[in-house]
Amino acid sequence: MKGVLLTLAAISAFILSANAAKEQGGFFCTLTGKTVSACCCEAGKNGNLHCRLANKDIKKCCCQGAKAK
């Protein structure tokens, strides 16, 4: 149950940061150094996040607002 709550909290934080970054004009992936129009982080099978651009599991979302870089 604790794992489910942590996953929901991580997804909620991701959604809030994604909405803020979207208003700033895109996203910057800190793993690949690429700017993209949509965030590359998604919920993974093991409770962590998965970065599609870097194709690896991560503990914290690697997407930032494009202007934040």
PDB file of N, CA and C in Angstrom:
ATOM      1  N   MET A   1       0.818  -1.188   0.000  1.00  0.00           N
ATOM      2  CA  MET A   1       0.000   0.000   0.000  1.00  0.00           C
ATOM      3  C   MET A   1       0.867   1.259   0.000  1.00  0.00           C
ATOM      4  N   LYS A   2       1.979   1.196   0.764  1.00  0.00           N
ATOM      5  CA  LYS A   2       2.878   2.343   0.836  1.00  0.00           C
ATOM      6  C   LYS A   2       3.486   2.639  -0.535  1.00  0.00           C
ATOM      7  N   GLY A   3       3.828   1.594  -1.270  1.00  0.00           N
ATOM      8  CA  GLY A   3       4.399   1.759  -2.605  1.00  0.00           C
ATOM      9  C   GLY A   3       3.411   2.418  -3.558  1.00  0.00           C
ATOM     10  N   VAL A   4       2.144   2.053  -3.436  1.00  0.00           N
ATOM     11  CA  VAL A   4       1.106   2.637  -4.289  1.00  0.00           C
ATOM     12  C   VAL A   4       0.958   4.124  -3.994  1.00  0.00           C
ATOM     13  N   LEU A   5       0.971   4.477  -2.714  1.00  0.00           N
ATOM     14  CA  LEU A   5       0.850   5.885  -2.328  1.00  0.00           C
ATOM     15  C   LEU A   5       2.053   6.693  -2.811  1.00  0.00           C
ATOM     16  N   LEU A   6       3.245   6.121  -2.710  1.00  0.00           N
ATOM     17  CA  LEU A   6       4.437   6.815  -3.198  1.00  0.00           C
ATOM     18  C   LEU A   6       4.394   6.999  -4.717  1.00  0.00           C
ATOM     19  N   THR A   7       3.922   6.001  -5.412  1.00  0.00           N
ATOM     20  CA  THR A   7       3.801   6.095  -6.866  1.00  0.00           C
ATOM     21  C   THR A   7       2.794   7.168  -7.248  1.00  0.00           C
ATOM     22  N   LEU A   8       1.654   7.202  -6.553  1.00  0.00           N
ATOM     23  CA  LEU A   8       0.647   8.230  -6.835  1.00  0.00           C
ATOM     24  C   LEU A   8       1.183   9.626  -6.539  1.00  0.00           C
ATOM     25  N   ALA A   9       1.947   9.770  -5.476  1.00  0.00           N
ATOM     26  CA  ALA A   9       2.535  11.062  -5.141  1.00  0.00           C
ATOM     27  C   ALA A   9       3.538  11.492  -6.210  1.00  0.00           C
ATOM     28  N   ALA A  10       4.331  10.557  -6.697  1.00  0.00           N
ATOM     29  CA  ALA A  10       5.314  10.873  -7.741  1.00  0.00           C
ATOM     30  C   ALA A  10       4.622  11.277  -9.037  1.00  0.00           C
ATOM     31  N   ILE A  11       3.564  10.572  -9.381  1.00  0.00           N
ATOM     32  CA  ILE A  11       2.826  10.895 -10.603  1.00  0.00           C
ATOM     33  C   ILE A  11       2.147  12.256 -10.474  1.00  0.00           C
ATOM     34  N   SER A  12       1.602  12.552  -9.308  1.00  0.00           N
ATOM     35  CA  SER A  12       0.965  13.857  -9.079  1.00  0.00           C
ATOM     36  C   SER A  12       1.980  14.985  -9.210  1.00  0.00           C
ATOM     37  N   ALA A  13       3.143  14.810  -8.619  1.00  0.00           N
ATOM     38  CA  ALA A  13       4.190  15.830  -8.713  1.00  0.00           C
ATOM     39  C   ALA A  13       4.634  15.999 -10.162  1.00  0.00           C
ATOM     40  N   PHE A  14       4.723  14.904 -10.878  1.00  0.00           N
ATOM     41  CA  PHE A  14       5.100  14.947 -12.285  1.00  0.00           C
ATOM     42  C   PHE A  14       4.073  15.723 -13.104  1.00  0.00           C
ATOM     43  N   ILE A  15       2.801  15.474 -12.857  1.00  0.00           N
ATOM     44  CA  ILE A  15       1.743  16.161 -13.604  1.00  0.00           C
ATOM     45  C   ILE A  15       1.777  17.659 -13.333  1.00  0.00           C
ATOM     46  N   LEU A  16       1.965  18.030 -12.068  1.00  0.00           N
ATOM     47  CA  LEU A  16       2.034  19.456 -11.732  1.00  0.00           C
ATOM     48  C   LEU A  16       3.224  20.123 -12.405  1.00  0.00           C
ATOM     49  N   SER A  17       4.384  19.468 -12.385  1.00  0.00           N
ATOM     50  CA  SER A  17       5.560  20.065 -13.024  1.00  0.00           C
ATOM     51  C   SER A  17       5.414  20.060 -14.538  1.00  0.00           C
ATOM     52  N   ALA A  18       4.735  19.053 -15.081  1.00  0.00           N
ATOM     53  CA  ALA A  18       4.517  18.991 -16.523  1.00  0.00           C
ATOM     54  C   ALA A  18       3.624  20.131 -16.982  1.00  0.00           C
ATOM     55  N   ASN A  19       2.581  20.431 -16.226  1.00  0.00           N
ATOM     56  CA  ASN A  19       1.700  21.536 -16.595  1.00  0.00           C
ATOM     57  C   ASN A  19       2.431  22.867 -16.533  1.00  0.00           C
ATOM     58  N   ALA A  20       3.252  23.062 -15.534  1.00  0.00           N
ATOM     59  CA  ALA A  20       4.018  24.305 -15.414  1.00  0.00           C
ATOM     60  C   ALA A  20       5.013  24.435 -16.561  1.00  0.00           C
ATOM     61  N   ALA A  21       5.669  23.357 -16.913  1.00  0.00           N
ATOM     62  CA  ALA A  21       6.653  23.390 -17.990  1.00  0.00           C
ATOM     63  C   ALA A  21       5.990  23.591 -19.344  1.00  0.00           C
ATOM     64  N   LYS A  22       4.811  23.040 -19.511  1.00  0.00           N
ATOM     65  CA  LYS A  22       4.102  23.181 -20.774  1.00  0.00           C
ATOM     66  C   LYS A  22       3.801  24.652 -21.050  1.00  0.00           C
ATOM     67  N   GLU A  23       3.479  25.391 -19.988  1.00  0.00           N
ATOM     68  CA  GLU A  23       3.213  26.818 -20.130  1.00  0.00           C
ATOM     69  C   GLU A  23       4.480  27.578 -20.510  1.00  0.00           C
ATOM     70  N   GLN A  24       5.648  27.023 -20.217  1.00  0.00           N
ATOM     71  CA  GLN A  24       6.916  27.683 -20.505  1.00  0.00           C
ATOM     72  C   GLN A  24       7.412  27.375 -21.921  1.00  0.00           C
ATOM     73  N   GLY A  25       6.736  26.535 -22.674  1.00  0.00           N
ATOM     74  CA  GLY A  25       7.112  26.291 -24.057  1.00  0.00           C
ATOM     75  C   GLY A  25       7.857  25.006 -24.329  1.00  0.00           C
ATOM     76  N   GLY A  26       7.610  23.950 -23.595  1.00  0.00           N
ATOM     77  CA  GLY A  26       8.226  22.658 -23.875  1.00  0.00           C
ATOM     78  C   GLY A  26       8.997  22.124 -22.686  1.00  0.00           C
ATOM     79  N   PHE A  27       9.752  21.083 -22.939  1.00  0.00           N
ATOM     80  CA  PHE A  27      10.496  20.388 -21.898  1.00  0.00           C
ATOM     81  C   PHE A  27      11.944  20.195 -22.314  1.00  0.00           C
ATOM     82  N   PHE A  28      12.811  20.101 -21.320  1.00  0.00           N
ATOM     83  CA  PHE A  28      14.220  19.807 -21.519  1.00  0.00           C
ATOM     84  C   PHE A  28      14.515  18.526 -20.761  1.00  0.00           C
ATOM     85  N   CYS A  29      15.019  17.500 -21.454  1.00  0.00           N
ATOM     86  CA  CYS A  29      15.369  16.230 -20.804  1.00  0.00           C
ATOM     87  C   CYS A  29      16.801  16.336 -20.298  1.00  0.00           C
ATOM     88  N   THR A  30      16.993  16.248 -18.983  1.00  0.00           N
ATOM     89  CA  THR A  30      18.327  16.396 -18.402  1.00  0.00           C
ATOM     90  C   THR A  30      19.233  15.197 -18.691  1.00  0.00           C
ATOM     91  N   LEU A  31      18.667  14.064 -19.061  1.00  0.00           N
ATOM     92  CA  LEU A  31      19.483  12.880 -19.375  1.00  0.00           C
ATOM     93  C   LEU A  31      20.066  12.938 -20.782  1.00  0.00           C
ATOM     94  N   THR A  32      19.291  13.455 -21.725  1.00  0.00           N
ATOM     95  CA  THR A  32      19.725  13.468 -23.118  1.00  0.00           C
ATOM     96  C   THR A  32      20.159  14.845 -23.599  1.00  0.00           C
ATOM     97  N   GLY A  33      19.748  15.887 -22.881  1.00  0.00           N
ATOM     98  CA  GLY A  33      20.065  17.247 -23.300  1.00  0.00           C
ATOM     99  C   GLY A  33      19.197  17.744 -24.447  1.00  0.00           C
ATOM    100  N   LYS A  34      18.095  17.035 -24.720  1.00  0.00           N
ATOM    101  CA  LYS A  34      17.218  17.399 -25.825  1.00  0.00           C
ATOM    102  C   LYS A  34      16.005  18.180 -25.328  1.00  0.00           C
ATOM    103  N   THR A  35      15.543  19.111 -26.145  1.00  0.00           N
ATOM    104  CA  THR A  35      14.306  19.824 -25.870  1.00  0.00           C
ATOM    105  C   THR A  35      13.192  19.148 -26.658  1.00  0.00           C
ATOM    106  N   VAL A  36      12.088  18.849 -25.979  1.00  0.00           N
ATOM    107  CA  VAL A  36      10.972  18.140 -26.600  1.00  0.00           C
ATOM    108  C   VAL A  36       9.669  18.855 -26.266  1.00  0.00           C
ATOM    109  N   SER A  37       8.633  18.608 -27.049  1.00  0.00           N
ATOM    110  CA  SER A  37       7.347  19.264 -26.822  1.00  0.00           C
ATOM    111  C   SER A  37       6.538  18.585 -25.719  1.00  0.00           C
ATOM    112  N   ALA A  38       6.778  17.298 -25.473  1.00  0.00           N
ATOM    113  CA  ALA A  38       6.075  16.561 -24.423  1.00  0.00           C
ATOM    114  C   ALA A  38       7.107  15.894 -23.518  1.00  0.00           C
ATOM    115  N   CYS A  39       6.781  15.762 -22.260  1.00  0.00           N
ATOM    116  CA  CYS A  39       7.709  15.162 -21.300  1.00  0.00           C
ATOM    117  C   CYS A  39       8.002  13.712 -21.664  1.00  0.00           C
ATOM    118  N   CYS A  40       9.237  13.296 -21.458  1.00  0.00           N
ATOM    119  CA  CYS A  40       9.663  11.951 -21.825  1.00  0.00           C
ATOM    120  C   CYS A  40       9.549  10.958 -20.666  1.00  0.00           C
ATOM    121  N   CYS A  41       9.090  11.398 -19.486  1.00  0.00           N
ATOM    122  CA  CYS A  41       8.963  10.508 -18.327  1.00  0.00           C
ATOM    123  C   CYS A  41       7.579   9.877 -18.280  1.00  0.00           C
ATOM    124  N   GLU A  42       7.539   8.593 -17.985  1.00  0.00           N
ATOM    125  CA  GLU A  42       6.275   7.894 -17.844  1.00  0.00           C
ATOM    126  C   GLU A  42       6.399   6.889 -16.714  1.00  0.00           C
ATOM    127  N   ALA A  43       5.265   6.461 -16.173  1.00  0.00           N
ATOM    128  CA  ALA A  43       5.266   5.495 -15.073  1.00  0.00           C
ATOM    129  C   ALA A  43       5.815   4.161 -15.568  1.00  0.00           C
ATOM    130  N   GLY A  44       6.780   3.623 -14.821  1.00  0.00           N
ATOM    131  CA  GLY A  44       7.373   2.342 -15.182  1.00  0.00           C
ATOM    132  C   GLY A  44       6.654   1.195 -14.504  1.00  0.00           C
ATOM    133  N   LYS A  45       6.998  -0.016 -14.878  1.00  0.00           N
ATOM    134  CA  LYS A  45       6.350  -1.206 -14.332  1.00  0.00           C
ATOM    135  C   LYS A  45       6.753  -1.485 -12.888  1.00  0.00           C
ATOM    136  N   ASN A  46       7.962  -1.076 -12.510  1.00  0.00           N
ATOM    137  CA  ASN A  46       8.486  -1.416 -11.191  1.00  0.00           C
ATOM    138  C   ASN A  46       8.260  -0.321 -10.147  1.00  0.00           C
ATOM    139  N   GLY A  47       7.406   0.656 -10.447  1.00  0.00           N
ATOM    140  CA  GLY A  47       7.142   1.731  -9.501  1.00  0.00           C
ATOM    141  C   GLY A  47       8.022   2.953  -9.702  1.00  0.00           C
ATOM    142  N   ASN A  48       9.092   2.808 -10.471  1.00  0.00           N
ATOM    143  CA  ASN A  48       9.930   3.957 -10.818  1.00  0.00           C
ATOM    144  C   ASN A  48       9.368   4.625 -12.063  1.00  0.00           C
ATOM    145  N   LEU A  49      10.023   5.665 -12.497  1.00  0.00           N
ATOM    146  CA  LEU A  49       9.675   6.308 -13.752  1.00  0.00           C
ATOM    147  C   LEU A  49      10.576   5.776 -14.850  1.00  0.00           C
ATOM    148  N   HIS A  50      10.147   5.938 -16.088  1.00  0.00           N
ATOM    149  CA  HIS A  50      10.942   5.508 -17.238  1.00  0.00           C
ATOM    150  C   HIS A  50      11.063   6.684 -18.189  1.00  0.00           C
ATOM    151  N   CYS A  51      12.293   7.003 -18.603  1.00  0.00           N
ATOM    152  CA  CYS A  51      12.526   8.064 -19.583  1.00  0.00           C
ATOM    153  C   CYS A  51      12.577   7.431 -20.961  1.00  0.00           C
ATOM    154  N   ARG A  52      11.621   7.795 -21.824  1.00  0.00           N
ATOM    155  CA  ARG A  52      11.571   7.219 -23.169  1.00  0.00           C
ATOM    156  C   ARG A  52      12.750   7.662 -24.024  1.00  0.00           C
ATOM    157  N   LEU A  53      13.190   8.911 -23.876  1.00  0.00           N
ATOM    158  CA  LEU A  53      14.304   9.397 -24.699  1.00  0.00           C
ATOM    159  C   LEU A  53      15.610   8.678 -24.389  1.00  0.00           C
ATOM    160  N   ALA A  54      15.906   8.502 -23.100  1.00  0.00           N
ATOM    161  CA  ALA A  54      17.141   7.831 -22.695  1.00  0.00           C
ATOM    162  C   ALA A  54      16.963   6.318 -22.618  1.00  0.00           C
ATOM    163  N   ASN A  55      15.716   5.856 -22.679  1.00  0.00           N
ATOM    164  CA  ASN A  55      15.365   4.442 -22.575  1.00  0.00           C
ATOM    165  C   ASN A  55      15.956   3.797 -21.322  1.00  0.00           C
ATOM    166  N   LYS A  56      15.688   4.440 -20.171  1.00  0.00           N
ATOM    167  CA  LYS A  56      16.160   3.865 -18.910  1.00  0.00           C
ATOM    168  C   LYS A  56      15.218   4.234 -17.780  1.00  0.00           C
ATOM    169  N   ASP A  57      15.217   3.389 -16.742  1.00  0.00           N
ATOM    170  CA  ASP A  57      14.419   3.657 -15.551  1.00  0.00           C
ATOM    171  C   ASP A  57      15.122   4.697 -14.698  1.00  0.00           C
ATOM    172  N   ILE A  58      14.344   5.583 -14.090  1.00  0.00           N
ATOM    173  CA  ILE A  58      14.883   6.661 -13.276  1.00  0.00           C
ATOM    174  C   ILE A  58      14.059   6.797 -12.005  1.00  0.00           C
ATOM    175  N   LYS A  59      14.637   7.417 -10.988  1.00  0.00           N
ATOM    176  CA  LYS A  59      13.927   7.605  -9.725  1.00  0.00           C
ATOM    177  C   LYS A  59      13.176   8.926  -9.703  1.00  0.00           C
ATOM    178  N   LYS A  60      13.665   9.913 -10.435  1.00  0.00           N
ATOM    179  CA  LYS A  60      13.080  11.247 -10.439  1.00  0.00           C
ATOM    180  C   LYS A  60      12.942  11.706 -11.882  1.00  0.00           C
ATOM    181  N   CYS A  61      11.847  12.381 -12.193  1.00  0.00           N
ATOM    182  CA  CYS A  61      11.611  12.801 -13.582  1.00  0.00           C
ATOM    183  C   CYS A  61      12.743  13.695 -14.080  1.00  0.00           C
ATOM    184  N   CYS A  62      13.183  13.425 -15.298  1.00  0.00           N
ATOM    185  CA  CYS A  62      14.297  14.147 -15.896  1.00  0.00           C
ATOM    186  C   CYS A  62      13.837  15.325 -16.753  1.00  0.00           C
ATOM    187  N   CYS A  63      12.534  15.569 -16.835  1.00  0.00           N
ATOM    188  CA  CYS A  63      12.006  16.664 -17.651  1.00  0.00           C
ATOM    189  C   CYS A  63      11.912  17.936 -16.837  1.00  0.00           C
ATOM    190  N   GLN A  64      12.406  19.018 -17.414  1.00  0.00           N
ATOM    191  CA  GLN A  64      12.297  20.346 -16.818  1.00  0.00           C
ATOM    192  C   GLN A  64      11.663  21.249 -17.848  1.00  0.00           C
ATOM    193  N   GLY A  65      11.149  22.376 -17.387  1.00  0.00           N
ATOM    194  CA  GLY A  65      10.637  23.358 -18.323  1.00  0.00           C
ATOM    195  C   GLY A  65      11.770  23.815 -19.231  1.00  0.00           C
ATOM    196  N   ALA A  66      11.509  24.006 -20.491  1.00  0.00           N
ATOM    197  CA  ALA A  66      12.550  24.356 -21.456  1.00  0.00           C
ATOM    198  C   ALA A  66      13.281  25.639 -21.064  1.00  0.00           C
ATOM    199  N   LYS A  67      12.580  26.570 -20.449  1.00  0.00           N
ATOM    200  CA  LYS A  67      13.218  27.820 -20.038  1.00  0.00           C
ATOM    201  C   LYS A  67      14.003  27.665 -18.751  1.00  0.00           C
ATOM    202  N   ALA A  68      13.816  26.541 -18.040  1.00  0.00           N
ATOM    203  CA  ALA A  68      14.500  26.320 -16.769  1.00  0.00           C
ATOM    204  C   ALA A  68      15.948  25.852 -16.958  1.00  0.00           C
ATOM    205  N   LYS A  69      16.275  25.387 -18.157  1.00  0.00           N
ATOM    206  CA  LYS A  69      17.626  24.867 -18.367  1.00  0.00           C
ATOM    207  C   LYS A  69      18.620  25.966 -18.318  1.00  0.00           C
TER     208      LYS A  69
END
